[in-house]
Amino acid sequence: MTNHEFRNIRHGLLLTQKELAELLGYKHKIRISEYERETNPVPVPDHIADAMWKLQVTDSVRLPAPAVREWRRHAE
């Protein structure tokens, strides 16, 4: 997933960086900023990319508990 795809999905869900960070189990919004930045973006981990694609398709921010546990396991 590219930084542009990631950002476009977040914008499509009408979420701020902080809201998405909390949803994905990150303590700080800086992680989202790192994925989205134009220059030298941090690669989006596969499990986060999968979650973002699913959120885009379902257009929902209600997440099943197993997915949340998996994301948090990989979070900061």
N, C-alpha and C. Protein backbone atom coordinates (compact mmCIF):
# COMPACT_ATOMS: atom_id res chain seq x y z
N MET A 1 0.85 -1.17 0.00
CA MET A 1 0.00 0.00 0.00
C MET A 1 0.90 1.23 0.00
N THR A 2 0.58 2.18 -0.86
CA THR A 2 1.37 3.41 -0.92
C THR A 2 0.88 4.41 0.12
N ASN A 3 1.70 5.41 0.36
CA ASN A 3 1.30 6.46 1.29
C ASN A 3 0.06 7.20 0.80
N HIS A 4 -0.09 7.35 -0.52
CA HIS A 4 -1.26 8.04 -1.08
C HIS A 4 -2.52 7.20 -0.89
N GLU A 5 -2.43 5.90 -1.11
CA GLU A 5 -3.58 5.02 -0.91
C GLU A 5 -4.02 5.05 0.56
N PHE A 6 -3.06 4.96 1.44
CA PHE A 6 -3.35 4.99 2.87
C PHE A 6 -4.09 6.26 3.24
N ARG A 7 -3.55 7.41 2.82
CA ARG A 7 -4.15 8.70 3.14
C ARG A 7 -5.54 8.83 2.52
N ASN A 8 -5.70 8.39 1.27
CA ASN A 8 -6.99 8.49 0.60
C ASN A 8 -8.06 7.67 1.31
N ILE A 9 -7.70 6.49 1.80
CA ILE A 9 -8.67 5.68 2.54
C ILE A 9 -9.06 6.40 3.83
N ARG A 10 -8.07 6.92 4.55
CA ARG A 10 -8.37 7.64 5.79
C ARG A 10 -9.29 8.82 5.52
N HIS A 11 -8.98 9.58 4.49
CA HIS A 11 -9.83 10.72 4.15
C HIS A 11 -11.23 10.26 3.77
N GLY A 12 -11.34 9.18 3.03
CA GLY A 12 -12.64 8.64 2.63
C GLY A 12 -13.48 8.21 3.82
N LEU A 13 -12.82 7.78 4.88
CA LEU A 13 -13.53 7.38 6.10
C LEU A 13 -13.80 8.57 7.02
N LEU A 14 -13.33 9.74 6.60
CA LEU A 14 -13.52 10.98 7.37
C LEU A 14 -12.93 10.88 8.77
N LEU A 15 -11.74 10.28 8.85
CA LEU A 15 -11.05 10.14 10.13
C LEU A 15 -9.83 11.05 10.17
N THR A 16 -9.56 11.61 11.33
CA THR A 16 -8.32 12.35 11.53
C THR A 16 -7.20 11.34 11.76
N GLN A 17 -5.97 11.81 11.70
CA GLN A 17 -4.84 10.92 11.99
C GLN A 17 -4.95 10.38 13.41
N LYS A 18 -5.35 11.21 14.34
CA LYS A 18 -5.48 10.78 15.73
C LYS A 18 -6.56 9.71 15.87
N GLU A 19 -7.71 9.92 15.23
CA GLU A 19 -8.79 8.94 15.32
C GLU A 19 -8.39 7.59 14.73
N LEU A 20 -7.70 7.62 13.58
CA LEU A 20 -7.26 6.37 12.97
C LEU A 20 -6.21 5.69 13.84
N ALA A 21 -5.30 6.46 14.40
CA ALA A 21 -4.28 5.89 15.28
C ALA A 21 -4.93 5.16 16.45
N GLU A 22 -5.92 5.79 17.06
CA GLU A 22 -6.61 5.16 18.19
C GLU A 22 -7.35 3.90 17.74
N LEU A 23 -7.97 3.96 16.58
CA LEU A 23 -8.71 2.82 16.05
C LEU A 23 -7.79 1.63 15.81
N LEU A 24 -6.59 1.90 15.32
CA LEU A 24 -5.63 0.84 15.02
C LEU A 24 -4.79 0.43 16.23
N GLY A 25 -5.00 1.09 17.35
CA GLY A 25 -4.31 0.69 18.56
C GLY A 25 -2.97 1.37 18.80
N TYR A 26 -2.68 2.42 18.03
CA TYR A 26 -1.44 3.16 18.26
C TYR A 26 -1.67 4.20 19.35
N LYS A 27 -0.63 4.47 20.12
CA LYS A 27 -0.73 5.44 21.20
C LYS A 27 -0.67 6.88 20.69
N HIS A 28 0.00 7.08 19.56
CA HIS A 28 0.22 8.44 19.05
C HIS A 28 -0.11 8.51 17.56
N LYS A 29 -0.55 9.67 17.12
CA LYS A 29 -0.89 9.85 15.71
C LYS A 29 0.36 9.92 14.82
N ILE A 30 1.53 10.03 15.40
CA ILE A 30 2.76 10.14 14.61
C ILE A 30 2.93 8.94 13.68
N ARG A 31 2.48 7.76 14.12
CA ARG A 31 2.61 6.56 13.28
C ARG A 31 1.83 6.74 11.98
N ILE A 32 0.63 7.30 12.06
CA ILE A 32 -0.17 7.53 10.86
C ILE A 32 0.51 8.56 9.98
N SER A 33 1.04 9.60 10.59
CA SER A 33 1.77 10.62 9.86
C SER A 33 2.97 10.02 9.12
N GLU A 34 3.66 9.10 9.76
CA GLU A 34 4.82 8.46 9.13
C GLU A 34 4.41 7.65 7.90
N TYR A 35 3.27 6.99 7.97
CA TYR A 35 2.79 6.22 6.82
C TYR A 35 2.37 7.12 5.67
N GLU A 36 1.88 8.32 5.98
CA GLU A 36 1.30 9.20 4.97
C GLU A 36 2.27 10.22 4.37
N ARG A 37 3.37 10.46 5.00
CA ARG A 37 4.22 11.57 4.55
C ARG A 37 4.71 11.37 3.11
N GLU A 38 4.93 12.50 2.46
CA GLU A 38 5.33 12.52 1.05
C GLU A 38 6.77 12.04 0.86
N THR A 39 7.67 12.54 1.70
CA THR A 39 9.07 12.18 1.54
C THR A 39 9.45 11.12 2.56
N ASN A 40 10.05 10.06 2.08
CA ASN A 40 10.55 8.98 2.92
C ASN A 40 9.48 8.41 3.86
N PRO A 41 8.33 7.99 3.32
CA PRO A 41 7.30 7.42 4.20
C PRO A 41 7.74 6.08 4.77
N VAL A 42 7.24 5.77 5.95
CA VAL A 42 7.48 4.47 6.57
C VAL A 42 6.56 3.48 5.87
N PRO A 43 7.07 2.31 5.46
CA PRO A 43 6.21 1.33 4.81
C PRO A 43 5.05 0.91 5.73
N VAL A 44 3.87 0.77 5.14
CA VAL A 44 2.70 0.34 5.90
C VAL A 44 2.79 -1.17 6.09
N PRO A 45 2.77 -1.65 7.34
CA PRO A 45 2.83 -3.09 7.57
C PRO A 45 1.64 -3.80 6.90
N ASP A 46 1.86 -5.03 6.48
CA ASP A 46 0.83 -5.78 5.77
C ASP A 46 -0.47 -5.88 6.55
N HIS A 47 -0.40 -6.12 7.86
CA HIS A 47 -1.63 -6.27 8.64
C HIS A 47 -2.41 -4.96 8.73
N ILE A 48 -1.71 -3.83 8.70
CA ILE A 48 -2.39 -2.53 8.72
C ILE A 48 -2.96 -2.24 7.32
N ALA A 49 -2.21 -2.55 6.28
CA ALA A 49 -2.72 -2.36 4.92
C ALA A 49 -3.99 -3.19 4.71
N ASP A 50 -3.98 -4.42 5.14
CA ASP A 50 -5.17 -5.28 5.03
C ASP A 50 -6.36 -4.65 5.76
N ALA A 51 -6.12 -4.15 6.93
CA ALA A 51 -7.19 -3.52 7.71
C ALA A 51 -7.73 -2.29 6.98
N MET A 52 -6.84 -1.50 6.41
CA MET A 52 -7.28 -0.29 5.70
C MET A 52 -8.12 -0.65 4.48
N TRP A 53 -7.71 -1.67 3.72
CA TRP A 53 -8.51 -2.10 2.55
C TRP A 53 -9.88 -2.56 3.00
N LYS A 54 -9.93 -3.31 4.09
CA LYS A 54 -11.22 -3.80 4.59
C LYS A 54 -12.10 -2.66 5.06
N LEU A 55 -11.51 -1.69 5.72
CA LEU A 55 -12.29 -0.52 6.16
C LEU A 55 -12.85 0.23 4.97
N GLN A 56 -12.06 0.34 3.90
CA GLN A 56 -12.52 1.05 2.71
C GLN A 56 -13.70 0.32 2.06
N VAL A 57 -13.59 -0.99 1.98
CA VAL A 57 -14.64 -1.79 1.33
C VAL A 57 -15.92 -1.79 2.15
N THR A 58 -15.79 -1.96 3.46
CA THR A 58 -16.97 -2.04 4.31
C THR A 58 -17.50 -0.66 4.67
N ASP A 59 -16.66 0.36 4.50
CA ASP A 59 -17.03 1.73 4.85
C ASP A 59 -17.53 1.79 6.29
N SER A 60 -16.83 1.07 7.15
CA SER A 60 -17.24 1.01 8.54
C SER A 60 -16.00 1.06 9.42
N VAL A 61 -16.13 1.71 10.56
CA VAL A 61 -15.02 1.74 11.49
C VAL A 61 -15.29 0.82 12.68
N ARG A 62 -16.35 0.04 12.64
CA ARG A 62 -16.58 -0.97 13.67
C ARG A 62 -15.76 -2.19 13.29
N LEU A 63 -14.88 -2.59 14.15
CA LEU A 63 -13.95 -3.65 13.83
C LEU A 63 -14.20 -4.88 14.69
N PRO A 64 -14.05 -6.06 14.10
CA PRO A 64 -14.18 -7.27 14.90
C PRO A 64 -13.05 -7.38 15.90
N ALA A 65 -13.35 -7.90 17.07
CA ALA A 65 -12.35 -8.00 18.15
C ALA A 65 -11.06 -8.69 17.73
N PRO A 66 -11.09 -9.81 16.98
CA PRO A 66 -9.82 -10.45 16.60
C PRO A 66 -8.92 -9.53 15.79
N ALA A 67 -9.50 -8.72 14.92
CA ALA A 67 -8.69 -7.80 14.13
C ALA A 67 -8.03 -6.76 15.01
N VAL A 68 -8.76 -6.23 15.96
CA VAL A 68 -8.20 -5.23 16.87
C VAL A 68 -7.05 -5.83 17.67
N ARG A 69 -7.23 -7.04 18.17
CA ARG A 69 -6.15 -7.68 18.93
C ARG A 69 -4.91 -7.86 18.07
N GLU A 70 -5.09 -8.27 16.82
CA GLU A 70 -3.96 -8.48 15.92
C GLU A 70 -3.23 -7.17 15.66
N TRP A 71 -3.98 -6.10 15.40
CA TRP A 71 -3.33 -4.81 15.14
C TRP A 71 -2.59 -4.33 16.37
N ARG A 72 -3.18 -4.48 17.52
CA ARG A 72 -2.53 -3.99 18.75
C ARG A 72 -1.27 -4.78 19.04
N ARG A 73 -1.27 -6.07 18.70
CA ARG A 73 -0.09 -6.88 18.91
C ARG A 73 1.09 -6.33 18.12
N HIS A 74 0.83 -5.76 16.95
CA HIS A 74 1.88 -5.23 16.10
C HIS A 74 2.14 -3.75 16.32
N ALA A 75 1.28 -3.08 17.06
CA ALA A 75 1.40 -1.65 17.30
C ALA A 75 2.59 -1.37 18.20
N GLU A 76 2.91 -0.11 18.28
CA GLU A 76 4.05 0.34 19.10
C GLU A 76 4.17 -0.53 20.27
